PDB file of N, CA and C in Angstrom:
ATOM      1  N   MET A   1      -1.314 -41.558   3.924  1.00  0.00           N
ATOM      2  CA  MET A   1      -2.749 -41.398   3.973  1.00  0.00           C
ATOM      3  C   MET A   1      -3.336 -42.662   4.615  1.00  0.00           C
ATOM      4  N   PRO A   2      -4.335 -42.499   5.484  1.00  0.00           N
ATOM      5  CA  PRO A   2      -4.970 -43.662   6.117  1.00  0.00           C
ATOM      6  C   PRO A   2      -5.601 -44.601   5.088  1.00  0.00           C
ATOM      7  N   ASP A   3      -5.823 -45.824   5.523  1.00  0.00           N
ATOM      8  CA  ASP A   3      -6.337 -46.849   4.613  1.00  0.00           C
ATOM      9  C   ASP A   3      -7.846 -46.798   4.405  1.00  0.00           C
ATOM     10  N   SER A   4      -8.592 -46.272   5.394  1.00  0.00           N
ATOM     11  CA  SER A   4     -10.051 -46.331   5.262  1.00  0.00           C
ATOM     12  C   SER A   4     -10.722 -45.322   6.194  1.00  0.00           C
ATOM     13  N   GLY A   5     -12.044 -45.230   6.021  1.00  0.00           N
ATOM     14  CA  GLY A   5     -12.871 -44.450   6.930  1.00  0.00           C
ATOM     15  C   GLY A   5     -12.759 -42.946   6.762  1.00  0.00           C
ATOM     16  N   LYS A   6     -13.154 -42.271   7.851  1.00  0.00           N
ATOM     17  CA  LYS A   6     -13.186 -40.808   7.835  1.00  0.00           C
ATOM     18  C   LYS A   6     -11.809 -40.209   7.561  1.00  0.00           C
ATOM     19  N   GLU A   7     -10.781 -40.841   8.116  1.00  0.00           N
ATOM     20  CA  GLU A   7      -9.428 -40.316   7.905  1.00  0.00           C
ATOM     21  C   GLU A   7      -9.044 -40.372   6.423  1.00  0.00           C
ATOM     22  N   LEU A   8      -9.431 -41.451   5.759  1.00  0.00           N
ATOM     23  CA  LEU A   8      -9.188 -41.543   4.318  1.00  0.00           C
ATOM     24  C   LEU A   8      -9.969 -40.454   3.593  1.00  0.00           C
ATOM     25  N   GLY A   9     -11.208 -40.247   3.991  1.00  0.00           N
ATOM     26  CA  GLY A   9     -12.020 -39.193   3.398  1.00  0.00           C
ATOM     27  C   GLY A   9     -11.379 -37.826   3.549  1.00  0.00           C
ATOM     28  N   ALA A  10     -10.781 -37.579   4.729  1.00  0.00           N
ATOM     29  CA  ALA A  10     -10.094 -36.310   4.958  1.00  0.00           C
ATOM     30  C   ALA A  10      -8.887 -36.180   4.022  1.00  0.00           C
ATOM     31  N   GLY A  11      -8.143 -37.264   3.869  1.00  0.00           N
ATOM     32  CA  GLY A  11      -6.998 -37.246   2.957  1.00  0.00           C
ATOM     33  C   GLY A  11      -7.425 -37.051   1.514  1.00  0.00           C
ATOM     34  N   LEU A  12      -8.525 -37.675   1.140  1.00  0.00           N
ATOM     35  CA  LEU A  12      -9.033 -37.517  -0.223  1.00  0.00           C
ATOM     36  C   LEU A  12      -9.462 -36.074  -0.474  1.00  0.00           C
ATOM     37  N   HIS A  13     -10.019 -35.458   0.561  1.00  0.00           N
ATOM     38  CA  HIS A  13     -10.404 -34.055   0.426  1.00  0.00           C
ATOM     39  C   HIS A  13      -9.180 -33.177   0.163  1.00  0.00           C
ATOM     40  N   GLU A  14      -8.082 -33.484   0.844  1.00  0.00           N
ATOM     41  CA  GLU A  14      -6.847 -32.723   0.617  1.00  0.00           C
ATOM     42  C   GLU A  14      -6.361 -32.899  -0.824  1.00  0.00           C
ATOM     43  N   LEU A  15      -6.442 -34.111  -1.347  1.00  0.00           N
ATOM     44  CA  LEU A  15      -6.064 -34.342  -2.749  1.00  0.00           C
ATOM     45  C   LEU A  15      -6.992 -33.594  -3.697  1.00  0.00           C
ATOM     46  N   TRP A  16      -8.272 -33.587  -3.384  1.00  0.00           N
ATOM     47  CA  TRP A  16      -9.251 -32.865  -4.191  1.00  0.00           C
ATOM     48  C   TRP A  16      -8.914 -31.377  -4.218  1.00  0.00           C
ATOM     49  N   LYS A  17      -8.539 -30.815  -3.048  1.00  0.00           N
ATOM     50  CA  LYS A  17      -8.163 -29.397  -2.993  1.00  0.00           C
ATOM     51  C   LYS A  17      -6.912 -29.121  -3.821  1.00  0.00           C
ATOM     52  N   VAL A  18      -5.966 -30.041  -3.806  1.00  0.00           N
ATOM     53  CA  VAL A  18      -4.764 -29.879  -4.633  1.00  0.00           C
ATOM     54  C   VAL A  18      -5.158 -29.825  -6.110  1.00  0.00           C
ATOM     55  N   ALA A  19      -6.060 -30.704  -6.520  1.00  0.00           N
ATOM     56  CA  ALA A  19      -6.526 -30.694  -7.916  1.00  0.00           C
ATOM     57  C   ALA A  19      -7.170 -29.351  -8.251  1.00  0.00           C
ATOM     58  N   GLN A  20      -7.962 -28.808  -7.335  1.00  0.00           N
ATOM     59  CA  GLN A  20      -8.592 -27.503  -7.554  1.00  0.00           C
ATOM     60  C   GLN A  20      -7.519 -26.419  -7.727  1.00  0.00           C
ATOM     61  N   ASN A  21      -6.493 -26.473  -6.897  1.00  0.00           N
ATOM     62  CA  ASN A  21      -5.422 -25.480  -6.975  1.00  0.00           C
ATOM     63  C   ASN A  21      -4.612 -25.631  -8.265  1.00  0.00           C
ATOM     64  N   PHE A  22      -4.393 -26.871  -8.695  1.00  0.00           N
ATOM     65  CA  PHE A  22      -3.695 -27.075  -9.960  1.00  0.00           C
ATOM     66  C   PHE A  22      -4.466 -26.403 -11.097  1.00  0.00           C
ATOM     67  N   GLU A  23      -5.798 -26.485 -11.057  1.00  0.00           N
ATOM     68  CA  GLU A  23      -6.605 -25.843 -12.095  1.00  0.00           C
ATOM     69  C   GLU A  23      -6.440 -24.327 -12.070  1.00  0.00           C
ATOM     70  N   ARG A  24      -6.356 -23.750 -10.873  1.00  0.00           N
ATOM     71  CA  ARG A  24      -6.160 -22.300 -10.781  1.00  0.00           C
ATOM     72  C   ARG A  24      -4.806 -21.902 -11.375  1.00  0.00           C
ATOM     73  N   VAL A  25      -3.781 -22.673 -11.070  1.00  0.00           N
ATOM     74  CA  VAL A  25      -2.457 -22.390 -11.623  1.00  0.00           C
ATOM     75  C   VAL A  25      -2.485 -22.608 -13.137  1.00  0.00           C
ATOM     76  N   GLN A  26      -3.173 -23.641 -13.577  1.00  0.00           N
ATOM     77  CA  GLN A  26      -3.307 -23.905 -15.005  1.00  0.00           C
ATOM     78  C   GLN A  26      -3.921 -22.705 -15.719  1.00  0.00           C
ATOM     79  N   ASP A  27      -4.936 -22.105 -15.109  1.00  0.00           N
ATOM     80  CA  ASP A  27      -5.566 -20.934 -15.711  1.00  0.00           C
ATOM     81  C   ASP A  27      -4.563 -19.793 -15.914  1.00  0.00           C
ATOM     82  N   GLU A  28      -3.651 -19.637 -14.971  1.00  0.00           N
ATOM     83  CA  GLU A  28      -2.635 -18.584 -15.083  1.00  0.00           C
ATOM     84  C   GLU A  28      -1.672 -18.861 -16.237  1.00  0.00           C
ATOM     85  N   PHE A  29      -1.269 -20.112 -16.383  1.00  0.00           N
ATOM     86  CA  PHE A  29      -0.386 -20.465 -17.495  1.00  0.00           C
ATOM     87  C   PHE A  29      -1.102 -20.307 -18.839  1.00  0.00           C
ATOM     88  N   TYR A  30      -2.370 -20.644 -18.875  1.00  0.00           N
ATOM     89  CA  TYR A  30      -3.168 -20.475 -20.091  1.00  0.00           C
ATOM     90  C   TYR A  30      -3.227 -18.991 -20.475  1.00  0.00           C
ATOM     91  N   ALA A  31      -3.495 -18.139 -19.490  1.00  0.00           N
ATOM     92  CA  ALA A  31      -3.571 -16.702 -19.750  1.00  0.00           C
ATOM     93  C   ALA A  31      -2.210 -16.152 -20.188  1.00  0.00           C
ATOM     94  N   ALA A  32      -1.152 -16.606 -19.544  1.00  0.00           N
ATOM     95  CA  ALA A  32       0.191 -16.146 -19.905  1.00  0.00           C
ATOM     96  C   ALA A  32       0.541 -16.584 -21.323  1.00  0.00           C
ATOM     97  N   ARG A  33       0.218 -17.819 -21.651  1.00  0.00           N
ATOM     98  CA  ARG A  33       0.485 -18.331 -23.004  1.00  0.00           C
ATOM     99  C   ARG A  33      -0.219 -17.471 -24.042  1.00  0.00           C
ATOM    100  N   ASN A  34      -1.484 -17.173 -23.788  1.00  0.00           N
ATOM    101  CA  ASN A  34      -2.249 -16.370 -24.741  1.00  0.00           C
ATOM    102  C   ASN A  34      -1.712 -14.943 -24.840  1.00  0.00           C
ATOM    103  N   ALA A  35      -1.304 -14.380 -23.718  1.00  0.00           N
ATOM    104  CA  ALA A  35      -0.761 -13.021 -23.729  1.00  0.00           C
ATOM    105  C   ALA A  35       0.517 -12.954 -24.567  1.00  0.00           C
ATOM    106  N   VAL A  36       1.376 -13.939 -24.401  1.00  0.00           N
ATOM    107  CA  VAL A  36       2.614 -13.955 -25.191  1.00  0.00           C
ATOM    108  C   VAL A  36       2.292 -14.216 -26.664  1.00  0.00           C
ATOM    109  N   ALA A  37       1.403 -15.153 -26.920  1.00  0.00           N
ATOM    110  CA  ALA A  37       1.037 -15.457 -28.310  1.00  0.00           C
ATOM    111  C   ALA A  37       0.416 -14.242 -29.001  1.00  0.00           C
ATOM    112  N   ASP A  38      -0.350 -13.452 -28.256  1.00  0.00           N
ATOM    113  CA  ASP A  38      -1.014 -12.280 -28.842  1.00  0.00           C
ATOM    114  C   ASP A  38      -0.057 -11.154 -29.208  1.00  0.00           C
ATOM    115  N   THR A  39       1.187 -11.232 -28.765  1.00  0.00           N
ATOM    116  CA  THR A  39       2.143 -10.184 -29.152  1.00  0.00           C
ATOM    117  C   THR A  39       2.381 -10.181 -30.653  1.00  0.00           C
ATOM    118  N   VAL A  40       2.051 -11.278 -31.319  1.00  0.00           N
ATOM    119  CA  VAL A  40       2.198 -11.333 -32.769  1.00  0.00           C
ATOM    120  C   VAL A  40       1.323 -10.270 -33.440  1.00  0.00           C
ATOM    121  N   LEU A  41       0.227  -9.897 -32.784  1.00  0.00           N
ATOM    122  CA  LEU A  41      -0.701  -8.925 -33.362  1.00  0.00           C
ATOM    123  C   LEU A  41      -0.115  -7.515 -33.411  1.00  0.00           C
ATOM    124  N   LYS A  42       0.882  -7.243 -32.576  1.00  0.00           N
ATOM    125  CA  LYS A  42       1.476  -5.903 -32.518  1.00  0.00           C
ATOM    126  C   LYS A  42       2.907  -5.861 -33.059  1.00  0.00           C
ATOM    127  N   GLN A  43       3.360  -6.938 -33.615  1.00  0.00           N
ATOM    128  CA  GLN A  43       4.766  -6.983 -34.019  1.00  0.00           C
ATOM    129  C   GLN A  43       5.084  -6.030 -35.163  1.00  0.00           C
ATOM    130  N   ASP A  44       4.125  -5.712 -36.003  1.00  0.00           N
ATOM    131  CA  ASP A  44       4.416  -4.767 -37.086  1.00  0.00           C
ATOM    132  C   ASP A  44       4.863  -3.419 -36.527  1.00  0.00           C
ATOM    133  N   LYS A  45       4.193  -2.960 -35.496  1.00  0.00           N
ATOM    134  CA  LYS A  45       4.556  -1.678 -34.906  1.00  0.00           C
ATOM    135  C   LYS A  45       5.874  -1.773 -34.146  1.00  0.00           C
ATOM    136  N   ALA A  46       6.135  -2.909 -33.544  1.00  0.00           N
ATOM    137  CA  ALA A  46       7.334  -3.048 -32.723  1.00  0.00           C
ATOM    138  C   ALA A  46       8.597  -3.284 -33.553  1.00  0.00           C
ATOM    139  N   PHE A  47       8.480  -3.961 -34.678  1.00  0.00           N
ATOM    140  CA  PHE A  47       9.680  -4.395 -35.394  1.00  0.00           C
ATOM    141  C   PHE A  47       9.850  -3.822 -36.797  1.00  0.00           C
ATOM    142  N   ARG A  48       8.855  -3.157 -37.321  1.00  0.00           N
ATOM    143  CA  ARG A  48       8.979  -2.606 -38.669  1.00  0.00           C
ATOM    144  C   ARG A  48       9.848  -1.353 -38.616  1.00  0.00           C
ATOM    145  N   TRP A  49      10.794  -1.291 -39.512  1.00  0.00           N
ATOM    146  CA  TRP A  49      11.685  -0.132 -39.583  1.00  0.00           C
ATOM    147  C   TRP A  49      11.028   0.919 -40.469  1.00  0.00           C
ATOM    148  N   ASP A  50      11.017   2.135 -40.000  1.00  0.00           N
ATOM    149  CA  ASP A  50      10.387   3.216 -40.772  1.00  0.00           C
ATOM    150  C   ASP A  50      11.147   3.517 -42.055  1.00  0.00           C
ATOM    151  N   HIS A  51      12.443   3.446 -41.997  1.00  0.00           N
ATOM    152  CA  HIS A  51      13.241   3.856 -43.151  1.00  0.00           C
ATOM    153  C   HIS A  51      13.577   2.702 -44.092  1.00  0.00           C
ATOM    154  N   ARG A  52      13.112   1.520 -43.822  1.00  0.00           N
ATOM    155  CA  ARG A  52      13.375   0.379 -44.704  1.00  0.00           C
ATOM    156  C   ARG A  52      12.100  -0.418 -44.906  1.00  0.00           C
ATOM    157  N   ASP A  53      12.121  -1.184 -45.901  1.00  0.00           N
ATOM    158  CA  ASP A  53      11.025  -2.114 -46.118  1.00  0.00           C
ATOM    159  C   ASP A  53      11.384  -3.416 -45.413  1.00  0.00           C
ATOM    160  N   GLY A  54      10.669  -3.781 -44.389  1.00  0.00           N
ATOM    161  CA  GLY A  54      10.952  -5.016 -43.674  1.00  0.00           C
ATOM    162  C   GLY A  54      11.126  -4.806 -42.188  1.00  0.00           C
ATOM    163  N   TYR A  55      11.525  -5.847 -41.542  1.00  0.00           N
ATOM    164  CA  TYR A  55      11.662  -5.838 -40.096  1.00  0.00           C
ATOM    165  C   TYR A  55      13.123  -5.661 -39.697  1.00  0.00           C
ATOM    166  N   GLY A  56      13.304  -5.190 -38.453  1.00  0.00           N
ATOM    167  CA  GLY A  56      14.635  -5.026 -37.905  1.00  0.00           C
ATOM    168  C   GLY A  56      15.268  -6.364 -37.557  1.00  0.00           C
ATOM    169  N   PRO A  57      16.517  -6.351 -37.140  1.00  0.00           N
ATOM    170  CA  PRO A  57      17.262  -7.582 -36.890  1.00  0.00           C
ATOM    171  C   PRO A  57      16.757  -8.389 -35.692  1.00  0.00           C
ATOM    172  N   VAL A  58      16.018  -7.769 -34.805  1.00  0.00           N
ATOM    173  CA  VAL A  58      15.542  -8.471 -33.607  1.00  0.00           C
ATOM    174  C   VAL A  58      14.288  -9.292 -33.888  1.00  0.00           C
ATOM    175  N   TYR A  59      13.596  -8.962 -34.979  1.00  0.00           N
ATOM    176  CA  TYR A  59      12.327  -9.618 -35.285  1.00  0.00           C
ATOM    177  C   TYR A  59      12.430 -11.143 -35.300  1.00  0.00           C
ATOM    178  N   ARG A  60      13.387 -11.669 -36.028  1.00  0.00           N
ATOM    179  CA  ARG A  60      13.518 -13.127 -36.145  1.00  0.00           C
ATOM    180  C   ARG A  60      13.802 -13.760 -34.789  1.00  0.00           C
ATOM    181  N   VAL A  61      14.697 -13.151 -34.031  1.00  0.00           N
ATOM    182  CA  VAL A  61      15.059 -13.687 -32.715  1.00  0.00           C
ATOM    183  C   VAL A  61      13.834 -13.671 -31.799  1.00  0.00           C
ATOM    184  N   TRP A  62      13.113 -12.546 -31.791  1.00  0.00           N
ATOM    185  CA  TRP A  62      11.916 -12.465 -30.947  1.00  0.00           C
ATOM    186  C   TRP A  62      10.862 -13.478 -31.395  1.00  0.00           C
ATOM    187  N   SER A  63      10.672 -13.653 -32.677  1.00  0.00           N
ATOM    188  CA  SER A  63       9.683 -14.614 -33.170  1.00  0.00           C
ATOM    189  C   SER A  63      10.005 -16.033 -32.701  1.00  0.00           C
ATOM    190  N   GLU A  64      11.265 -16.398 -32.756  1.00  0.00           N
ATOM    191  CA  GLU A  64      11.674 -17.733 -32.289  1.00  0.00           C
ATOM    192  C   GLU A  64      11.499 -17.858 -30.775  1.00  0.00           C
ATOM    193  N   LEU A  65      11.895 -16.813 -30.055  1.00  0.00           N
ATOM    194  CA  LEU A  65      11.751 -16.837 -28.598  1.00  0.00           C
ATOM    195  C   LEU A  65      10.283 -16.899 -28.209  1.00  0.00           C
ATOM    196  N   ARG A  66       9.449 -16.100 -28.876  1.00  0.00           N
ATOM    197  CA  ARG A  66       8.017 -16.125 -28.581  1.00  0.00           C
ATOM    198  C   ARG A  66       7.454 -17.526 -28.806  1.00  0.00           C
ATOM    199  N   ALA A  67       7.798 -18.153 -29.907  1.00  0.00           N
ATOM    200  CA  ALA A  67       7.301 -19.500 -30.200  1.00  0.00           C
ATOM    201  C   ALA A  67       7.721 -20.481 -29.111  1.00  0.00           C
ATOM    202  N   GLU A  68       8.954 -20.370 -28.648  1.00  0.00           N
ATOM    203  CA  GLU A  68       9.443 -21.267 -27.589  1.00  0.00           C
ATOM    204  C   GLU A  68       8.710 -21.017 -26.271  1.00  0.00           C
ATOM    205  N   ILE A  69       8.523 -19.753 -25.926  1.00  0.00           N
ATOM    206  CA  ILE A  69       7.806 -19.414 -24.681  1.00  0.00           C
ATOM    207  C   ILE A  69       6.360 -19.904 -24.753  1.00  0.00           C
ATOM    208  N   VAL A  70       5.704 -19.682 -25.873  1.00  0.00           N
ATOM    209  CA  VAL A  70       4.319 -20.137 -26.056  1.00  0.00           C
ATOM    210  C   VAL A  70       4.247 -21.653 -25.909  1.00  0.00           C
ATOM    211  N   SER A  71       5.207 -22.353 -26.487  1.00  0.00           N
ATOM    212  CA  SER A  71       5.242 -23.810 -26.392  1.00  0.00           C
ATOM    213  C   SER A  71       5.419 -24.272 -24.940  1.00  0.00           C
ATOM    214  N   ILE A  72       6.352 -23.668 -24.232  1.00  0.00           N
ATOM    215  CA  ILE A  72       6.605 -24.053 -22.838  1.00  0.00           C
ATOM    216  C   ILE A  72       5.383 -23.767 -21.971  1.00  0.00           C
ATOM    217  N   LEU A  73       4.799 -22.585 -22.118  1.00  0.00           N
ATOM    218  CA  LEU A  73       3.615 -22.240 -21.322  1.00  0.00           C
ATOM    219  C   LEU A  73       2.450 -23.156 -21.663  1.00  0.00           C
ATOM    220  N   GLY A  74       2.289 -23.485 -22.934  1.00  0.00           N
ATOM    221  CA  GLY A  74       1.217 -24.399 -23.339  1.00  0.00           C
ATOM    222  C   GLY A  74       1.422 -25.798 -22.796  1.00  0.00           C
ATOM    223  N   ASP A  75       2.652 -26.288 -22.849  1.00  0.00           N
ATOM    224  CA  ASP A  75       2.944 -27.617 -22.301  1.00  0.00           C
ATOM    225  C   ASP A  75       2.684 -27.662 -20.798  1.00  0.00           C
ATOM    226  N   THR A  76       3.069 -26.591 -20.108  1.00  0.00           N
ATOM    227  CA  THR A  76       2.855 -26.539 -18.660  1.00  0.00           C
ATOM    228  C   THR A  76       1.368 -26.480 -18.347  1.00  0.00           C
ATOM    229  N   ASP A  77       0.640 -25.685 -19.090  1.00  0.00           N
ATOM    230  CA  ASP A  77      -0.815 -25.607 -18.948  1.00  0.00           C
ATOM    231  C   ASP A  77      -1.440 -26.995 -19.093  1.00  0.00           C
ATOM    232  N   GLN A  78      -1.060 -27.685 -20.130  1.00  0.00           N
ATOM    233  CA  GLN A  78      -1.603 -29.022 -20.385  1.00  0.00           C
ATOM    234  C   GLN A  78      -1.206 -30.003 -19.280  1.00  0.00           C
ATOM    235  N   SER A  79       0.030 -29.959 -18.846  1.00  0.00           N
ATOM    236  CA  SER A  79       0.504 -30.856 -17.800  1.00  0.00           C
ATOM    237  C   SER A  79      -0.245 -30.634 -16.484  1.00  0.00           C
ATOM    238  N   LEU A  80      -0.475 -29.377 -16.132  1.00  0.00           N
ATOM    239  CA  LEU A  80      -1.225 -29.073 -14.909  1.00  0.00           C
ATOM    240  C   LEU A  80      -2.652 -29.600 -15.001  1.00  0.00           C
ATOM    241  N   GLY A  81      -3.264 -29.458 -16.157  1.00  0.00           N
ATOM    242  CA  GLY A  81      -4.622 -29.968 -16.342  1.00  0.00           C
ATOM    243  C   GLY A  81      -4.686 -31.480 -16.244  1.00  0.00           C
ATOM    244  N   LEU A  82      -3.729 -32.151 -16.852  1.00  0.00           N
ATOM    245  CA  LEU A  82      -3.700 -33.619 -16.787  1.00  0.00           C
ATOM    246  C   LEU A  82      -3.438 -34.104 -15.364  1.00  0.00           C
ATOM    247  N   THR A  83      -2.587 -33.390 -14.641  1.00  0.00           N
ATOM    248  CA  THR A  83      -2.308 -33.763 -13.256  1.00  0.00           C
ATOM    249  C   THR A  83      -3.554 -33.579 -12.399  1.00  0.00           C
ATOM    250  N   ALA A  84      -4.259 -32.473 -12.578  1.00  0.00           N
ATOM    251  CA  ALA A  84      -5.503 -32.238 -11.835  1.00  0.00           C
ATOM    252  C   ALA A  84      -6.520 -33.342 -12.138  1.00  0.00           C
ATOM    253  N   ASP A  85      -6.635 -33.706 -13.410  1.00  0.00           N
ATOM    254  CA  ASP A  85      -7.563 -34.782 -13.792  1.00  0.00           C
ATOM    255  C   ASP A  85      -7.175 -36.102 -13.131  1.00  0.00           C
ATOM    256  N   ALA A  86      -5.888 -36.417 -13.108  1.00  0.00           N
ATOM    257  CA  ALA A  86      -5.426 -37.669 -12.493  1.00  0.00           C
ATOM    258  C   ALA A  86      -5.705 -37.678 -10.996  1.00  0.00           C
ATOM    259  N   LEU A  87      -5.493 -36.566 -10.333  1.00  0.00           N
ATOM    260  CA  LEU A  87      -5.779 -36.491  -8.901  1.00  0.00           C
ATOM    261  C   LEU A  87      -7.267 -36.695  -8.633  1.00  0.00           C
ATOM    262  N   ARG A  88      -8.122 -36.036  -9.412  1.00  0.00           N
ATOM    263  CA  ARG A  88      -9.572 -36.219  -9.233  1.00  0.00           C
ATOM    264  C   ARG A  88      -9.988 -37.661  -9.507  1.00  0.00           C
ATOM    265  N   GLN A  89      -9.372 -38.265 -10.507  1.00  0.00           N
ATOM    266  CA  GLN A  89      -9.686 -39.657 -10.825  1.00  0.00           C
ATOM    267  C   GLN A  89      -9.283 -40.573  -9.659  1.00  0.00           C
ATOM    268  N   ALA A  90      -8.138 -40.320  -9.063  1.00  0.00           N
ATOM    269  CA  ALA A  90      -7.695 -41.112  -7.913  1.00  0.00           C
ATOM    270  C   ALA A  90      -8.631 -40.912  -6.729  1.00  0.00           C
ATOM    271  N   VAL A  91      -9.041 -39.685  -6.494  1.00  0.00           N
ATOM    272  CA  VAL A  91      -9.974 -39.403  -5.396  1.00  0.00           C
ATOM    273  C   VAL A  91     -11.272 -40.171  -5.609  1.00  0.00           C
ATOM    274  N   ARG A  92     -11.812 -40.124  -6.826  1.00  0.00           N
ATOM    275  CA  ARG A  92     -13.063 -40.847  -7.104  1.00  0.00           C
ATOM    276  C   ARG A  92     -12.901 -42.351  -6.922  1.00  0.00           C
ATOM    277  N   ALA A  93     -11.790 -42.898  -7.370  1.00  0.00           N
ATOM    278  CA  ALA A  93     -11.571 -44.342  -7.269  1.00  0.00           C
ATOM    279  C   ALA A  93     -11.504 -44.781  -5.809  1.00  0.00           C
ATOM    280  N   TYR A  94     -10.756 -44.062  -4.993  1.00  0.00           N
ATOM    281  CA  TYR A  94     -10.677 -44.414  -3.575  1.00  0.00           C
ATOM    282  C   TYR A  94     -12.024 -44.222  -2.894  1.00  0.00           C
ATOM    283  N   ALA A  95     -12.729 -43.147  -3.221  1.00  0.00           N
ATOM    284  CA  ALA A  95     -14.025 -42.893  -2.589  1.00  0.00           C
ATOM    285  C   ALA A  95     -15.044 -43.982  -2.945  1.00  0.00           C
ATOM    286  N   ARG A  96     -14.983 -44.483  -4.180  1.00  0.00           N
ATOM    287  CA  ARG A  96     -15.913 -45.561  -4.573  1.00  0.00           C
ATOM    288  C   ARG A  96     -15.664 -46.839  -3.786  1.00  0.00           C
ATOM    289  N   ALA A  97     -14.444 -47.014  -3.307  1.00  0.00           N
ATOM    290  CA  ALA A  97     -14.088 -48.249  -2.604  1.00  0.00           C
ATOM    291  C   ALA A  97     -14.399 -48.201  -1.111  1.00  0.00           C
ATOM    292  N   ASP A  98     -14.769 -47.044  -0.569  1.00  0.00           N
ATOM    293  CA  ASP A  98     -14.975 -46.909   0.874  1.00  0.00           C
ATOM    294  C   ASP A  98     -16.114 -45.919   1.127  1.00  0.00           C
ATOM    295  N   ASP A  99     -17.272 -46.447   1.539  1.00  0.00           N
ATOM    296  CA  ASP A  99     -18.453 -45.598   1.732  1.00  0.00           C
ATOM    297  C   ASP A  99     -18.242 -44.536   2.803  1.00  0.00           C
ATOM    298  N   GLU A 100     -17.579 -44.884   3.894  1.00  0.00           N
ATOM    299  CA  GLU A 100     -17.349 -43.919   4.964  1.00  0.00           C
ATOM    300  C   GLU A 100     -16.407 -42.806   4.491  1.00  0.00           C
ATOM    301  N   ALA A 101     -15.390 -43.171   3.750  1.00  0.00           N
ATOM    302  CA  ALA A 101     -14.479 -42.170   3.191  1.00  0.00           C
ATOM    303  C   ALA A 101     -15.219 -41.277   2.203  1.00  0.00           C
ATOM    304  N   ALA A 102     -16.077 -41.873   1.383  1.00  0.00           N
ATOM    305  CA  ALA A 102     -16.845 -41.096   0.411  1.00  0.00           C
ATOM    306  C   ALA A 102     -17.761 -40.099   1.113  1.00  0.00           C
ATOM    307  N   ALA A 103     -18.394 -40.530   2.197  1.00  0.00           N
ATOM    308  CA  ALA A 103     -19.279 -39.632   2.944  1.00  0.00           C
ATOM    309  C   ALA A 103     -18.491 -38.472   3.553  1.00  0.00           C
ATOM    310  N   GLU A 104     -17.323 -38.766   4.109  1.00  0.00           N
ATOM    311  CA  GLU A 104     -16.493 -37.709   4.701  1.00  0.00           C
ATOM    312  C   GLU A 104     -15.985 -36.753   3.622  1.00  0.00           C
ATOM    313  N   LEU A 105     -15.571 -37.302   2.498  1.00  0.00           N
ATOM    314  CA  LEU A 105     -15.136 -36.468   1.383  1.00  0.00           C
ATOM    315  C   LEU A 105     -16.264 -35.550   0.941  1.00  0.00           C
ATOM    316  N   ASP A 106     -17.457 -36.101   0.770  1.00  0.00           N
ATOM    317  CA  ASP A 106     -18.611 -35.310   0.342  1.00  0.00           C
ATOM    318  C   ASP A 106     -18.913 -34.201   1.348  1.00  0.00           C
ATOM    319  N   ARG A 107     -18.883 -34.516   2.633  1.00  0.00           N
ATOM    320  CA  ARG A 107     -19.158 -33.535   3.685  1.00  0.00           C
ATOM    321  C   ARG A 107     -18.147 -32.392   3.609  1.00  0.00           C
ATOM    322  N   ARG A 108     -16.896 -32.741   3.455  1.00  0.00           N
ATOM    323  CA  ARG A 108     -15.843 -31.712   3.396  1.00  0.00           C
ATOM    324  C   ARG A 108     -15.930 -30.888   2.107  1.00  0.00           C
ATOM    325  N   GLN A 109     -16.276 -31.541   1.027  1.00  0.00           N
ATOM    326  CA  GLN A 109     -16.423 -30.791  -0.232  1.00  0.00           C
ATOM    327  C   GLN A 109     -17.586 -29.808  -0.128  1.00  0.00           C
ATOM    328  N   GLN A 110     -18.678 -30.241   0.472  1.00  0.00           N
ATOM    329  CA  GLN A 110     -19.817 -29.337   0.642  1.00  0.00           C
ATOM    330  C   GLN A 110     -19.435 -28.148   1.517  1.00  0.00           C
ATOM    331  N   TRP A 111     -18.709 -28.406   2.598  1.00  0.00           N
ATOM    332  CA  TRP A 111     -18.266 -27.318   3.454  1.00  0.00           C
ATOM    333  C   TRP A 111     -17.317 -26.407   2.687  1.00  0.00           C
ATOM    334  N   HIS A 112     -16.406 -27.009   1.944  1.00  0.00           N
ATOM    335  CA  HIS A 112     -15.428 -26.246   1.170  1.00  0.00           C
ATOM    336  C   HIS A 112     -16.139 -25.311   0.193  1.00  0.00           C
ATOM    337  N   ARG A 113     -17.226 -25.770  -0.334  1.00  0.00           N
ATOM    338  CA  ARG A 113     -18.010 -24.965  -1.285  1.00  0.00           C
ATOM    339  C   ARG A 113     -18.939 -23.989  -0.581  1.00  0.00           C
ATOM    340  N   GLY A 114     -18.970 -24.050   0.771  1.00  0.00           N
ATOM    341  CA  GLY A 114     -19.701 -23.051   1.536  1.00  0.00           C
ATOM    342  C   GLY A 114     -21.096 -23.428   1.974  1.00  0.00           C
ATOM    343  N   SER A 115     -21.502 -24.700   1.939  1.00  0.00           N
ATOM    344  CA  SER A 115     -22.882 -25.027   2.264  1.00  0.00           C
ATOM    345  C   SER A 115     -23.132 -25.328   3.745  1.00  0.00           C
ATOM    346  N   ASP A 116     -22.199 -25.908   4.465  1.00  0.00           N
ATOM    347  CA  ASP A 116     -22.417 -26.277   5.871  1.00  0.00           C
ATOM    348  C   ASP A 116     -21.144 -26.075   6.673  1.00  0.00           C
ATOM    349  N   ASP A 117     -21.324 -25.938   7.971  1.00  0.00           N
ATOM    350  CA  ASP A 117     -20.184 -25.908   8.884  1.00  0.00           C
ATOM    351  C   ASP A 117     -19.808 -27.358   9.196  1.00  0.00           C
ATOM    352  N   PRO A 118     -18.576 -27.770   8.926  1.00  0.00           N
ATOM    353  CA  PRO A 118     -18.237 -29.174   9.111  1.00  0.00           C
ATOM    354  C   PRO A 118     -17.985 -29.550  10.564  1.00  0.00           C
ATOM    355  N   GLY A 119     -17.972 -28.595  11.467  1.00  0.00           N
ATOM    356  CA  GLY A 119     -17.619 -28.921  12.842  1.00  0.00           C
ATOM    357  C   GLY A 119     -16.135 -29.240  12.911  1.00  0.00           C
ATOM    358  N   ARG A 120     -15.745 -29.960  13.935  1.00  0.00           N
ATOM    359  CA  ARG A 120     -14.327 -30.345  14.062  1.00  0.00           C
ATOM    360  C   ARG A 120     -14.032 -31.505  13.138  1.00  0.00           C
ATOM    361  N   PHE A 121     -12.979 -31.367  12.385  1.00  0.00           N
ATOM    362  CA  PHE A 121     -12.540 -32.477  11.539  1.00  0.00           C
ATOM    363  C   PHE A 121     -11.815 -33.495  12.395  1.00  0.00           C
ATOM    364  N   ALA A 122     -12.109 -34.752  12.156  1.00  0.00           N
ATOM    365  CA  ALA A 122     -11.434 -35.822  12.897  1.00  0.00           C
ATOM    366  C   ALA A 122     -10.065 -36.055  12.320  1.00  0.00           C
TER     367      ALA A 122
END
């Protein structure tokens, strides 16, 4: 990444976009975690034996597997969020140190959000 100026601003914009994408992926892991965790609500129908009092032999194994999957998805969700936060923090720190880079970053972010045509990027 360049050291200063518009080129630095362009690089910072790319990092900012990566942070945005990490958040989108994080949302998917969050939804997946919740979907797996919510299977607990239907386990009575899935694992209860009609002819016995109690659950079938797969219940315990599935419960342990579900807990492990929920944990992994939750950890990944959290890690993606922390990474996105760190990237945004780095972008802000570099932008504060270089006014020209900050202006270029702002221009590109505004365009990215749909407000202006940025013209040709340098």
